[in-house]
Amino acid sequence: MNKALIIIDMLNDFVQEGAPLQTPNARSIVDCINEQKKIAAENSNPIIYVCDAHDPDDKEFKIWPKHCVKGTKGAEIIDELKPDKNDIVLEKTRYSCFFGTRLNEILKEKNIDTLVLTGLLTNVCVMYTAADAVSRNYHVIVPENCVIALDEETHKFGMQQLKNVHNAEII
């Protein structure tokens, strides 16, 4: 099993107090994600951050408040999870970490067959990334203490979908 740790959208505009799309309790998963980073580093597994980075007039802003505009402080990874020099950082504009990014090519280059998904939101970006990963024949692992949603109900829905529909291994 060749794993990669994927850290999704742990950005200021989702985590900081008063941010446009602040996720309640997002800080509660930071230590757990740092623990996954430590495990990945000890095993020489790639650590890949995939981060929302929108144009100022992105169509997504018809659905969600304006957030994570490229080049703004809001689009930056939170200080507590800053990447190390060997970590990979990719920008995305949609829910799935695969859509419009080089993620799949990077994973193939590194012979990765298993993804450990962490970050925000359980029922949106994590779930859509898992769906695309499974469609590409990756094994998906989701540490439940490393993902969160806007509320407990949507988190539970996301976890149920991840497990029962996308066949993710929940740890």
C-alpha atoms as a PDB file:
ATOM      1  CA  MET A   1       0.000   0.000   0.000  1.00  0.00           C
ATOM      2  CA  ASN A   2       1.557   3.307  -1.156  1.00  0.00           C
ATOM      3  CA  LYS A   3      -0.186   6.123   0.668  1.00  0.00           C
ATOM      4  CA  ALA A   4      -0.457   9.868   0.255  1.00  0.00           C
ATOM      5  CA  LEU A   5      -1.927  12.214   2.847  1.00  0.00           C
ATOM      6  CA  ILE A   6      -4.332  14.733   1.320  1.00  0.00           C
ATOM      7  CA  ILE A   7      -5.111  17.850   3.368  1.00  0.00           C
ATOM      8  CA  ILE A   8      -8.158  19.617   1.952  1.00  0.00           C
ATOM      9  CA  ASP A   9      -9.031  23.306   2.397  1.00  0.00           C
ATOM     10  CA  MET A  10      -7.500  23.966   5.813  1.00  0.00           C
ATOM     11  CA  LEU A  11      -7.487  27.638   4.874  1.00  0.00           C
ATOM     12  CA  ASN A  12      -8.004  30.896   6.738  1.00  0.00           C
ATOM     13  CA  ASP A  13     -11.365  31.604   5.064  1.00  0.00           C
ATOM     14  CA  PHE A  14     -12.717  28.322   6.456  1.00  0.00           C
ATOM     15  CA  VAL A  15     -11.002  28.107   9.840  1.00  0.00           C
ATOM     16  CA  GLN A  16     -10.401  31.591  11.271  1.00  0.00           C
ATOM     17  CA  GLU A  17     -12.920  33.222  13.595  1.00  0.00           C
ATOM     18  CA  GLY A  18     -15.299  35.423  11.577  1.00  0.00           C
ATOM     19  CA  ALA A  19     -14.102  34.072   8.216  1.00  0.00           C
ATOM     20  CA  PRO A  20     -16.583  34.155   5.292  1.00  0.00           C
ATOM     21  CA  LEU A  21     -17.147  30.385   5.442  1.00  0.00           C
ATOM     22  CA  GLN A  22     -15.996  29.663   8.973  1.00  0.00           C
ATOM     23  CA  THR A  23     -16.523  26.019   9.824  1.00  0.00           C
ATOM     24  CA  PRO A  24     -17.547  25.703  13.465  1.00  0.00           C
ATOM     25  CA  ASN A  25     -15.070  23.532  15.369  1.00  0.00           C
ATOM     26  CA  ALA A  26     -12.635  23.325  12.423  1.00  0.00           C
ATOM     27  CA  ARG A  27      -9.800  23.877  14.892  1.00  0.00           C
ATOM     28  CA  SER A  28     -10.782  20.644  16.650  1.00  0.00           C
ATOM     29  CA  ILE A  29      -9.267  18.583  13.807  1.00  0.00           C
ATOM     30  CA  VAL A  30      -5.951  20.479  13.491  1.00  0.00           C
ATOM     31  CA  ASP A  31      -4.015  18.389  16.034  1.00  0.00           C
ATOM     32  CA  CYS A  32      -5.323  15.169  14.493  1.00  0.00           C
ATOM     33  CA  ILE A  33      -4.256  16.292  11.012  1.00  0.00           C
ATOM     34  CA  ASN A  34      -0.823  17.194  12.395  1.00  0.00           C
ATOM     35  CA  GLU A  35      -0.639  13.656  13.796  1.00  0.00           C
ATOM     36  CA  GLN A  36      -1.442  12.285  10.314  1.00  0.00           C
ATOM     37  CA  LYS A  37       1.301  14.544   8.899  1.00  0.00           C
ATOM     38  CA  LYS A  38       3.753  13.062  11.391  1.00  0.00           C
ATOM     39  CA  ILE A  39       2.758   9.501  10.434  1.00  0.00           C
ATOM     40  CA  ALA A  40       3.051  10.313   6.729  1.00  0.00           C
ATOM     41  CA  ALA A  41       6.475  11.912   7.179  1.00  0.00           C
ATOM     42  CA  GLU A  42       7.755   8.964   9.246  1.00  0.00           C
ATOM     43  CA  ASN A  43       6.688   6.619   6.443  1.00  0.00           C
ATOM     44  CA  SER A  44       8.008   8.873   3.643  1.00  0.00           C
ATOM     45  CA  ASN A  45       4.478   9.251   2.272  1.00  0.00           C
ATOM     46  CA  PRO A  46       3.771  12.379   0.239  1.00  0.00           C
ATOM     47  CA  ILE A  47       1.791  15.132   1.937  1.00  0.00           C
ATOM     48  CA  ILE A  48      -0.383  17.024  -0.517  1.00  0.00           C
ATOM     49  CA  TYR A  49      -2.398  20.129   0.310  1.00  0.00           C
ATOM     50  CA  VAL A  50      -5.253  20.888  -2.051  1.00  0.00           C
ATOM     51  CA  CYS A  51      -6.603  24.385  -1.534  1.00  0.00           C
ATOM     52  CA  ASP A  52      -9.486  26.459  -2.823  1.00  0.00           C
ATOM     53  CA  ALA A  53      -8.119  29.326  -4.930  1.00  0.00           C
ATOM     54  CA  HIS A  54     -10.873  31.224  -6.718  1.00  0.00           C
ATOM     55  CA  ASP A  55     -10.927  34.085  -9.186  1.00  0.00           C
ATOM     56  CA  PRO A  56     -12.755  37.155  -7.804  1.00  0.00           C
ATOM     57  CA  ASP A  57     -15.770  36.465 -10.043  1.00  0.00           C
ATOM     58  CA  ASP A  58     -15.935  32.668  -9.640  1.00  0.00           C
ATOM     59  CA  LYS A  59     -19.384  31.204 -10.359  1.00  0.00           C
ATOM     60  CA  GLU A  60     -19.191  29.296  -7.067  1.00  0.00           C
ATOM     61  CA  PHE A  61     -19.906  32.600  -5.304  1.00  0.00           C
ATOM     62  CA  LYS A  62     -23.518  32.268  -6.469  1.00  0.00           C
ATOM     63  CA  ILE A  63     -23.750  29.282  -4.106  1.00  0.00           C
ATOM     64  CA  TRP A  64     -21.336  30.252  -1.321  1.00  0.00           C
ATOM     65  CA  PRO A  65     -20.131  33.593   0.057  1.00  0.00           C
ATOM     66  CA  LYS A  66     -16.977  34.958  -1.576  1.00  0.00           C
ATOM     67  CA  HIS A  67     -14.018  33.025  -0.144  1.00  0.00           C
ATOM     68  CA  CYS A  68     -10.452  31.910  -0.797  1.00  0.00           C
ATOM     69  CA  VAL A  69      -9.781  34.400  -3.581  1.00  0.00           C
ATOM     70  CA  LYS A  70      -6.351  33.738  -5.108  1.00  0.00           C
ATOM     71  CA  GLY A  71      -3.622  35.833  -3.550  1.00  0.00           C
ATOM     72  CA  THR A  72      -5.593  36.807  -0.443  1.00  0.00           C
ATOM     73  CA  LYS A  73      -4.830  35.932   3.187  1.00  0.00           C
ATOM     74  CA  GLY A  74      -8.099  33.974   3.247  1.00  0.00           C
ATOM     75  CA  ALA A  75      -6.777  31.546   0.628  1.00  0.00           C
ATOM     76  CA  GLU A  76      -3.663  30.722   2.692  1.00  0.00           C
ATOM     77  CA  ILE A  77      -3.181  27.522   4.686  1.00  0.00           C
ATOM     78  CA  ILE A  78      -3.635  28.130   8.411  1.00  0.00           C
ATOM     79  CA  ASP A  79      -0.404  28.704  10.340  1.00  0.00           C
ATOM     80  CA  GLU A  80      -0.878  25.569  12.469  1.00  0.00           C
ATOM     81  CA  LEU A  81      -0.694  23.352   9.370  1.00  0.00           C
ATOM     82  CA  LYS A  82       1.847  25.173   7.193  1.00  0.00           C
ATOM     83  CA  PRO A  83       3.439  22.864   4.624  1.00  0.00           C
ATOM     84  CA  ASP A  84       7.000  21.680   4.983  1.00  0.00           C
ATOM     85  CA  LYS A  85       9.441  22.251   2.129  1.00  0.00           C
ATOM     86  CA  ASN A  86       8.864  18.822   0.563  1.00  0.00           C
ATOM     87  CA  ASP A  87       5.072  18.978   0.762  1.00  0.00           C
ATOM     88  CA  ILE A  88       3.058  19.592  -2.393  1.00  0.00           C
ATOM     89  CA  VAL A  89       0.482  22.402  -2.605  1.00  0.00           C
ATOM     90  CA  LEU A  90      -2.159  22.404  -5.345  1.00  0.00           C
ATOM     91  CA  GLU A  91      -4.895  24.916  -6.063  1.00  0.00           C
ATOM     92  CA  LYS A  92      -8.434  23.880  -6.919  1.00  0.00           C
ATOM     93  CA  THR A  93     -11.549  25.766  -7.960  1.00  0.00           C
ATOM     94  CA  ARG A  94     -14.208  23.114  -7.380  1.00  0.00           C
ATOM     95  CA  TYR A  95     -15.178  20.572  -4.735  1.00  0.00           C
ATOM     96  CA  SER A  96     -13.115  17.607  -5.921  1.00  0.00           C
ATOM     97  CA  CYS A  97      -9.361  17.757  -5.455  1.00  0.00           C
ATOM     98  CA  PHE A  98      -9.061  16.008  -8.821  1.00  0.00           C
ATOM     99  CA  PHE A  99     -11.067  18.499 -10.896  1.00  0.00           C
ATOM    100  CA  GLY A 100      -8.794  20.812 -12.881  1.00  0.00           C
ATOM    101  CA  THR A 101      -5.672  19.889 -10.874  1.00  0.00           C
ATOM    102  CA  ARG A 102      -2.582  17.746 -11.409  1.00  0.00           C
ATOM    103  CA  LEU A 103      -3.434  15.539  -8.432  1.00  0.00           C
ATOM    104  CA  ASN A 104      -4.012  12.326 -10.383  1.00  0.00           C
ATOM    105  CA  GLU A 105      -0.802  12.772 -12.402  1.00  0.00           C
ATOM    106  CA  ILE A 106       1.226  13.399  -9.228  1.00  0.00           C
ATOM    107  CA  LEU A 107      -0.245  10.330  -7.541  1.00  0.00           C
ATOM    108  CA  LYS A 108       0.503   8.164 -10.587  1.00  0.00           C
ATOM    109  CA  GLU A 109       4.087   9.502 -10.789  1.00  0.00           C
ATOM    110  CA  LYS A 110       4.574   8.495  -7.155  1.00  0.00           C
ATOM    111  CA  ASN A 111       2.862   5.096  -7.551  1.00  0.00           C
ATOM    112  CA  ILE A 112       0.252   5.968  -4.931  1.00  0.00           C
ATOM    113  CA  ASP A 113      -2.698   3.604  -4.579  1.00  0.00           C
ATOM    114  CA  THR A 114      -4.162   4.769  -1.247  1.00  0.00           C
ATOM    115  CA  LEU A 115      -5.320   8.227  -0.185  1.00  0.00           C
ATOM    116  CA  VAL A 116      -5.752   9.369   3.402  1.00  0.00           C
ATOM    117  CA  LEU A 117      -8.270  12.212   3.166  1.00  0.00           C
ATOM    118  CA  THR A 118      -8.391  14.949   5.808  1.00  0.00           C
ATOM    119  CA  GLY A 119      -9.819  18.458   6.067  1.00  0.00           C
ATOM    120  CA  LEU A 120     -12.983  20.287   5.103  1.00  0.00           C
ATOM    121  CA  LEU A 121     -15.877  19.675   4.544  1.00  0.00           C
ATOM    122  CA  THR A 122     -16.857  16.053   5.189  1.00  0.00           C
ATOM    123  CA  ASN A 123     -19.956  16.221   2.977  1.00  0.00           C
ATOM    124  CA  VAL A 124     -18.538  18.449   0.244  1.00  0.00           C
ATOM    125  CA  CYS A 125     -14.878  18.529  -0.775  1.00  0.00           C
ATOM    126  CA  VAL A 126     -13.847  15.414   1.165  1.00  0.00           C
ATOM    127  CA  MET A 127     -16.791  13.412  -0.185  1.00  0.00           C
ATOM    128  CA  TYR A 128     -16.434  14.590  -3.793  1.00  0.00           C
ATOM    129  CA  THR A 129     -12.700  13.894  -3.689  1.00  0.00           C
ATOM    130  CA  ALA A 130     -13.393  10.407  -2.332  1.00  0.00           C
ATOM    131  CA  ALA A 131     -15.911   9.771  -5.132  1.00  0.00           C
ATOM    132  CA  ASP A 132     -13.385  10.802  -7.779  1.00  0.00           C
ATOM    133  CA  ALA A 133     -10.624   8.810  -6.069  1.00  0.00           C
ATOM    134  CA  VAL A 134     -12.699   5.626  -5.998  1.00  0.00           C
ATOM    135  CA  SER A 135     -13.651   6.182  -9.653  1.00  0.00           C
ATOM    136  CA  ARG A 136      -9.905   6.208 -10.375  1.00  0.00           C
ATOM    137  CA  ASN A 137      -9.403   2.975  -8.394  1.00  0.00           C
ATOM    138  CA  TYR A 138      -7.692   4.468  -5.350  1.00  0.00           C
ATOM    139  CA  HIS A 139      -8.289   2.996  -1.914  1.00  0.00           C
ATOM    140  CA  VAL A 140      -9.612   5.761   0.356  1.00  0.00           C
ATOM    141  CA  ILE A 141      -9.020   6.053   4.091  1.00  0.00           C
ATOM    142  CA  VAL A 142     -10.763   8.740   6.132  1.00  0.00           C
ATOM    143  CA  PRO A 143      -9.665   9.293   9.735  1.00  0.00           C
ATOM    144  CA  GLU A 144     -12.974  10.481  11.214  1.00  0.00           C
ATOM    145  CA  ASN A 145     -11.215  12.800  13.683  1.00  0.00           C
ATOM    146  CA  CYS A 146      -9.552  14.605  10.753  1.00  0.00           C
ATOM    147  CA  VAL A 147     -12.676  15.749   8.892  1.00  0.00           C
ATOM    148  CA  ILE A 148     -15.548  18.026   9.877  1.00  0.00           C
ATOM    149  CA  ALA A 149     -18.611  19.675   8.329  1.00  0.00           C
ATOM    150  CA  LEU A 150     -20.608  22.813   9.038  1.00  0.00           C
ATOM    151  CA  ASP A 151     -22.796  20.870  11.477  1.00  0.00           C
ATOM    152  CA  GLU A 152     -23.049  17.415  13.025  1.00  0.00           C
ATOM    153  CA  GLU A 153     -25.943  16.301  10.800  1.00  0.00           C
ATOM    154  CA  THR A 154     -24.103  16.961   7.524  1.00  0.00           C
ATOM    155  CA  HIS A 155     -20.913  15.450   8.983  1.00  0.00           C
ATOM    156  CA  LYS A 156     -22.794  12.234   9.774  1.00  0.00           C
ATOM    157  CA  PHE A 157     -24.366  12.235   6.314  1.00  0.00           C
ATOM    158  CA  GLY A 158     -20.938  12.692   4.732  1.00  0.00           C
ATOM    159  CA  MET A 159     -19.406   9.901   6.806  1.00  0.00           C
ATOM    160  CA  GLN A 160     -22.269   7.580   5.891  1.00  0.00           C
ATOM    161  CA  GLN A 161     -21.812   8.365   2.185  1.00  0.00           C
ATOM    162  CA  LEU A 162     -18.042   7.945   2.422  1.00  0.00           C
ATOM    163  CA  LYS A 163     -18.414   4.532   4.042  1.00  0.00           C
ATOM    164  CA  ASN A 164     -21.480   3.084   2.311  1.00  0.00           C
ATOM    165  CA  VAL A 165     -21.359   4.641  -1.154  1.00  0.00           C
ATOM    166  CA  HIS A 166     -17.660   5.322  -1.741  1.00  0.00           C
ATOM    167  CA  ASN A 167     -16.412   2.322   0.230  1.00  0.00           C
ATOM    168  CA  ALA A 168     -13.949   4.453   2.213  1.00  0.00           C
ATOM    169  CA  GLU A 169     -12.168   2.838   5.101  1.00  0.00           C
ATOM    170  CA  ILE A 170     -13.098   4.856   8.172  1.00  0.00           C
ATOM    171  CA  ILE A 171     -10.521   4.872  10.950  1.00  0.00           C
END
